[in-house]
Amino acid sequence: MLMQIYEPGTSKAKAACKKLVVGIDLGTTNSLVAVADGEGAYALPGVDTAAPESTLLPSVVYVGADGARVVGRAAMARS
């Protein structure tokens, strides 16, 4: 179900909220981003090169000695 967002004291939904809703789950184990539009709701594929089709991204960040950052499954492999 798509939630309508209203300004306090009004009864009309904001026009910007009618087109697209984005939800971000920053979980302690996995994270994901989902969108809902007029056609339905779906999770977006992650940026994890180890599993490019997966919508779940492990909530792991690795920072190397040189400052390079790696996220997801690749970060889990380095830890």
Protein backbone atom coordinates (compact mmCIF):
# COMPACT_ATOMS: atom_id res chain seq x y z
CA MET A 1 0.00 0.00 0.00
CA LEU A 2 1.32 3.44 -0.92
CA MET A 3 1.19 5.85 2.00
CA GLN A 4 -0.03 9.36 1.28
CA ILE A 5 1.90 12.13 3.04
CA TYR A 6 0.02 15.25 4.10
CA GLU A 7 1.08 18.60 5.50
CA PRO A 8 -0.28 19.22 9.00
CA GLY A 9 -3.69 20.87 8.79
CA THR A 10 -4.30 20.08 5.11
CA SER A 11 -6.19 17.33 3.34
CA LYS A 12 -4.34 17.21 0.00
CA ALA A 13 -1.25 15.10 -0.62
CA LYS A 14 1.84 16.93 -1.82
CA ALA A 15 2.23 16.56 -5.58
CA ALA A 16 5.83 15.34 -5.27
CA CYS A 17 4.75 12.47 -3.04
CA LYS A 18 2.27 11.09 -5.55
CA LYS A 19 4.85 9.99 -8.12
CA LEU A 20 7.53 8.05 -6.26
CA VAL A 21 8.29 6.88 -2.75
CA VAL A 22 11.77 5.67 -1.80
CA GLY A 23 12.43 3.56 1.28
CA ILE A 24 15.91 2.86 2.64
CA ASP A 25 16.51 0.08 5.15
CA LEU A 26 19.91 0.51 6.80
CA GLY A 27 19.88 -2.75 8.71
CA THR A 28 22.50 -4.14 11.02
CA THR A 29 22.85 -7.28 8.88
CA ASN A 30 21.68 -6.23 5.40
CA SER A 31 20.59 -2.99 3.75
CA LEU A 32 18.37 -2.32 0.74
CA VAL A 33 16.57 0.41 -1.18
CA ALA A 34 12.99 0.01 -2.41
CA VAL A 35 10.76 2.24 -4.48
CA ALA A 36 7.01 2.44 -4.93
CA ASP A 37 5.39 4.15 -7.88
CA GLY A 38 2.04 4.03 -9.61
CA GLU A 39 2.83 0.55 -10.97
CA GLY A 40 3.90 -1.17 -7.75
CA ALA A 41 6.73 -1.52 -5.27
CA TYR A 42 10.07 -3.19 -5.82
CA ALA A 43 13.56 -3.41 -4.33
CA LEU A 44 16.46 -2.05 -6.37
CA PRO A 45 19.46 -4.22 -7.18
CA GLY A 46 22.49 -3.31 -5.09
CA VAL A 47 25.93 -2.07 -6.03
CA ASP A 48 27.57 -5.23 -4.73
CA THR A 49 29.77 -6.48 -7.58
CA ALA A 50 30.01 -9.90 -5.88
CA ALA A 51 26.22 -10.37 -6.35
CA PRO A 52 24.99 -7.75 -8.86
CA GLU A 53 21.44 -9.14 -9.10
CA SER A 54 20.86 -9.20 -5.34
CA THR A 55 18.67 -6.55 -3.73
CA LEU A 56 20.30 -7.13 -0.34
CA LEU A 57 23.65 -5.53 0.45
CA PRO A 58 25.45 -6.81 3.54
CA SER A 59 25.84 -3.92 5.98
CA VAL A 60 29.63 -4.18 6.06
CA VAL A 61 32.19 -1.51 5.22
CA TYR A 62 35.93 -2.18 4.99
CA VAL A 63 38.40 0.71 5.03
CA GLY A 64 41.91 -0.21 3.88
CA ALA A 65 45.16 1.27 5.18
CA ASP A 66 45.22 3.54 2.11
CA GLY A 67 41.71 4.82 2.90
CA ALA A 68 40.00 2.86 0.11
CA ARG A 69 36.47 1.80 1.04
CA VAL A 70 34.80 -1.47 0.07
CA VAL A 71 31.18 -2.39 0.86
CA GLY A 72 29.01 -5.50 0.90
CA ARG A 73 30.21 -9.02 0.24
CA ALA A 74 33.63 -7.82 -0.93
CA ALA A 75 34.11 -6.09 2.45
CA MET A 76 33.06 -9.27 4.27
CA ALA A 77 35.73 -11.21 2.35
CA ARG A 78 38.42 -8.77 3.51
CA SER A 79 37.50 -8.71 7.18
